[in-house]
Amino acid sequence: MVDAIDTVTGKINLVLQCRDRNIPIICSMGAGNKLDPTKFEVADIYKTSVDPIARVMRKKLKENRVKKLKVVYSKEKPLTIVRAAAARTASVRREVHATAISGGQCRAAFPLCHR
């Protein structure tokens, strides 16, 4: 199973269903506001760093006694983008999805190369 769900709740539910049915799964972590496709890695979720979605997932997975999970994640720290006009008063967060294709290629290739 290849996961590209955007919500942590959805990801956790899918992981638990796959675990209960003994179906291999690889999950994608956050790629928003990251620009460097060479920073993507496939690793166990408990060995990830930097990624805020992975941090939340690790906590939820421990609560559900999930001991391992392959994920695609980026070690790149997310950018904070501020609109120039709003910079004087407040930060306005916007998403950059420049690496979405690279992350998708990692997710798609992994099950094919690691049976």
C-alpha atoms as a PDB file:
ATOM      1  CA  MET A   1       0.000   0.000   0.000  1.00  0.00           C
ATOM      2  CA  VAL A   2       1.270   3.468  -0.833  1.00  0.00           C
ATOM      3  CA  ASP A   3      -0.093   6.256   1.389  1.00  0.00           C
ATOM      4  CA  ALA A   4      -0.411   9.879   0.298  1.00  0.00           C
ATOM      5  CA  ILE A   5      -3.209  10.915   2.684  1.00  0.00           C
ATOM      6  CA  ASP A   6      -2.964  14.502   3.954  1.00  0.00           C
ATOM      7  CA  THR A   7      -4.334  13.985   7.476  1.00  0.00           C
ATOM      8  CA  VAL A   8      -2.624  12.262  10.392  1.00  0.00           C
ATOM      9  CA  THR A   9      -5.886  10.585  11.426  1.00  0.00           C
ATOM     10  CA  GLY A  10      -6.321   9.119   7.944  1.00  0.00           C
ATOM     11  CA  LYS A  11      -2.703   7.951   7.853  1.00  0.00           C
ATOM     12  CA  ILE A  12      -2.971   6.269  11.264  1.00  0.00           C
ATOM     13  CA  ASN A  13      -6.226   4.524  10.307  1.00  0.00           C
ATOM     14  CA  LEU A  14      -4.690   3.222   7.085  1.00  0.00           C
ATOM     15  CA  VAL A  15      -1.533   2.020   8.876  1.00  0.00           C
ATOM     16  CA  LEU A  16      -3.616   0.164  11.473  1.00  0.00           C
ATOM     17  CA  GLN A  17      -5.784  -1.456   8.803  1.00  0.00           C
ATOM     18  CA  CYS A  18      -2.682  -2.566   6.897  1.00  0.00           C
ATOM     19  CA  ARG A  19      -1.062  -3.891  10.069  1.00  0.00           C
ATOM     20  CA  ASP A  20      -4.190  -5.890  10.973  1.00  0.00           C
ATOM     21  CA  ARG A  21      -4.305  -7.379   7.468  1.00  0.00           C
ATOM     22  CA  ASN A  22      -0.538  -7.899   7.209  1.00  0.00           C
ATOM     23  CA  ILE A  23      -0.313  -5.597   4.151  1.00  0.00           C
ATOM     24  CA  PRO A  24       3.018  -3.798   3.601  1.00  0.00           C
ATOM     25  CA  ILE A  25       2.716  -0.011   3.530  1.00  0.00           C
ATOM     26  CA  ILE A  26       4.910   3.024   2.898  1.00  0.00           C
ATOM     27  CA  CYS A  27       3.698   6.455   4.030  1.00  0.00           C
ATOM     28  CA  SER A  28       4.604   9.929   2.881  1.00  0.00           C
ATOM     29  CA  MET A  29       5.402  12.590   5.421  1.00  0.00           C
ATOM     30  CA  GLY A  30       5.328  16.374   4.899  1.00  0.00           C
ATOM     31  CA  ALA A  31       6.766  17.858   1.706  1.00  0.00           C
ATOM     32  CA  GLY A  32       5.207  21.331   1.825  1.00  0.00           C
ATOM     33  CA  ASN A  33       7.627  24.274   1.821  1.00  0.00           C
ATOM     34  CA  LYS A  34      10.593  22.093   0.908  1.00  0.00           C
ATOM     35  CA  LEU A  35      12.604  22.719  -2.248  1.00  0.00           C
ATOM     36  CA  ASP A  36      15.477  20.203  -2.359  1.00  0.00           C
ATOM     37  CA  PRO A  37      14.466  16.827  -3.855  1.00  0.00           C
ATOM     38  CA  THR A  38      17.837  15.323  -2.913  1.00  0.00           C
ATOM     39  CA  LYS A  39      16.894  15.466   0.791  1.00  0.00           C
ATOM     40  CA  PHE A  40      14.204  12.769   0.478  1.00  0.00           C
ATOM     41  CA  GLU A  41      14.905   9.471   2.216  1.00  0.00           C
ATOM     42  CA  VAL A  42      13.139   6.206   2.868  1.00  0.00           C
ATOM     43  CA  ALA A  43      13.488   5.215   6.516  1.00  0.00           C
ATOM     44  CA  ASP A  44      11.646   3.794   9.473  1.00  0.00           C
ATOM     45  CA  ILE A  45       9.499   6.497  11.051  1.00  0.00           C
ATOM     46  CA  TYR A  46      11.306   6.094  14.360  1.00  0.00           C
ATOM     47  CA  LYS A  47      14.565   7.148  12.660  1.00  0.00           C
ATOM     48  CA  THR A  48      13.192  10.332  11.069  1.00  0.00           C
ATOM     49  CA  SER A  49      14.068  13.874  12.080  1.00  0.00           C
ATOM     50  CA  VAL A  50      12.967  17.429  11.229  1.00  0.00           C
ATOM     51  CA  ASP A  51       9.520  16.444   9.865  1.00  0.00           C
ATOM     52  CA  PRO A  52       6.639  17.724  12.052  1.00  0.00           C
ATOM     53  CA  ILE A  53       4.121  15.239  10.620  1.00  0.00           C
ATOM     54  CA  ALA A  54       6.463  12.348  11.422  1.00  0.00           C
ATOM     55  CA  ARG A  55       6.777  13.631  14.999  1.00  0.00           C
ATOM     56  CA  VAL A  56       2.991  13.508  15.490  1.00  0.00           C
ATOM     57  CA  MET A  57       2.763  10.152  13.707  1.00  0.00           C
ATOM     58  CA  ARG A  58       5.439   8.607  15.970  1.00  0.00           C
ATOM     59  CA  LYS A  59       3.424   9.534  19.050  1.00  0.00           C
ATOM     60  CA  LYS A  60       0.173   8.118  17.640  1.00  0.00           C
ATOM     61  CA  LEU A  61       1.888   4.962  16.381  1.00  0.00           C
ATOM     62  CA  LYS A  62       3.411   4.313  19.832  1.00  0.00           C
ATOM     63  CA  GLU A  63      -0.051   4.688  21.382  1.00  0.00           C
ATOM     64  CA  ASN A  64      -1.294   2.026  18.940  1.00  0.00           C
ATOM     65  CA  ARG A  65       1.728  -0.254  19.482  1.00  0.00           C
ATOM     66  CA  VAL A  66       3.003   0.049  15.918  1.00  0.00           C
ATOM     67  CA  LYS A  67       6.701  -0.797  16.142  1.00  0.00           C
ATOM     68  CA  LYS A  68       7.849   0.053  12.613  1.00  0.00           C
ATOM     69  CA  LEU A  69       6.677   1.926   9.522  1.00  0.00           C
ATOM     70  CA  LYS A  70       8.501   2.740   6.286  1.00  0.00           C
ATOM     71  CA  VAL A  71       8.127   6.380   5.315  1.00  0.00           C
ATOM     72  CA  VAL A  72       9.334   8.815   2.676  1.00  0.00           C
ATOM     73  CA  TYR A  73      10.394  12.075   4.284  1.00  0.00           C
ATOM     74  CA  SER A  74      12.701  15.007   3.735  1.00  0.00           C
ATOM     75  CA  LYS A  75      15.461  16.079   6.109  1.00  0.00           C
ATOM     76  CA  GLU A  76      15.143  19.608   4.752  1.00  0.00           C
ATOM     77  CA  LYS A  77      13.716  22.157   7.175  1.00  0.00           C
ATOM     78  CA  PRO A  78      10.513  23.737   5.787  1.00  0.00           C
ATOM     79  CA  LEU A  79      10.757  27.302   4.528  1.00  0.00           C
ATOM     80  CA  THR A  80       8.658  30.056   6.032  1.00  0.00           C
ATOM     81  CA  ILE A  81       7.393  32.295   3.259  1.00  0.00           C
ATOM     82  CA  VAL A  82       6.287  35.806   4.121  1.00  0.00           C
ATOM     83  CA  ARG A  83       4.457  38.103   1.734  1.00  0.00           C
ATOM     84  CA  ALA A  84       6.296  41.417   1.475  1.00  0.00           C
ATOM     85  CA  ALA A  85       3.170  43.537   2.004  1.00  0.00           C
ATOM     86  CA  ALA A  86       2.237  41.671   5.171  1.00  0.00           C
ATOM     87  CA  ALA A  87       5.783  41.444   6.529  1.00  0.00           C
ATOM     88  CA  ARG A  88       5.407  44.619   8.607  1.00  0.00           C
ATOM     89  CA  THR A  89       2.379  43.340  10.514  1.00  0.00           C
ATOM     90  CA  ALA A  90       2.255  39.533  10.465  1.00  0.00           C
ATOM     91  CA  SER A  91       3.699  36.447   8.848  1.00  0.00           C
ATOM     92  CA  VAL A  92       1.497  34.884   6.221  1.00  0.00           C
ATOM     93  CA  ARG A  93       2.300  31.227   5.701  1.00  0.00           C
ATOM     94  CA  ARG A  94       1.966  29.862   2.204  1.00  0.00           C
ATOM     95  CA  GLU A  95       2.766  26.424   0.882  1.00  0.00           C
ATOM     96  CA  VAL A  96       5.396  25.573  -1.715  1.00  0.00           C
ATOM     97  CA  HIS A  97       5.045  22.146  -3.303  1.00  0.00           C
ATOM     98  CA  ALA A  98       8.170  22.066  -5.439  1.00  0.00           C
ATOM     99  CA  THR A  99       9.236  18.630  -4.175  1.00  0.00           C
ATOM    100  CA  ALA A 100       5.877  16.836  -4.401  1.00  0.00           C
ATOM    101  CA  ILE A 101       6.862  14.994  -7.591  1.00  0.00           C
ATOM    102  CA  SER A 102      10.147  13.742  -6.110  1.00  0.00           C
ATOM    103  CA  GLY A 103       8.399  12.459  -2.994  1.00  0.00           C
ATOM    104  CA  GLY A 104       5.803  10.724  -5.152  1.00  0.00           C
ATOM    105  CA  GLN A 105       8.508   9.039  -7.189  1.00  0.00           C
ATOM    106  CA  CYS A 106      10.128   7.731  -3.993  1.00  0.00           C
ATOM    107  CA  ARG A 107       6.789   6.346  -2.765  1.00  0.00           C
ATOM    108  CA  ALA A 108       6.007   4.725  -6.106  1.00  0.00           C
ATOM    109  CA  ALA A 109       9.433   3.172  -6.629  1.00  0.00           C
ATOM    110  CA  PHE A 110       9.868   1.694  -3.157  1.00  0.00           C
ATOM    111  CA  PRO A 111       7.280  -1.131  -3.382  1.00  0.00           C
ATOM    112  CA  LEU A 112       8.482  -2.025  -6.863  1.00  0.00           C
ATOM    113  CA  CYS A 113      12.145  -2.238  -5.851  1.00  0.00           C
ATOM    114  CA  HIS A 114      11.717  -3.790  -2.383  1.00  0.00           C
ATOM    115  CA  ARG A 115       9.332  -6.722  -2.583  1.00  0.00           C
END
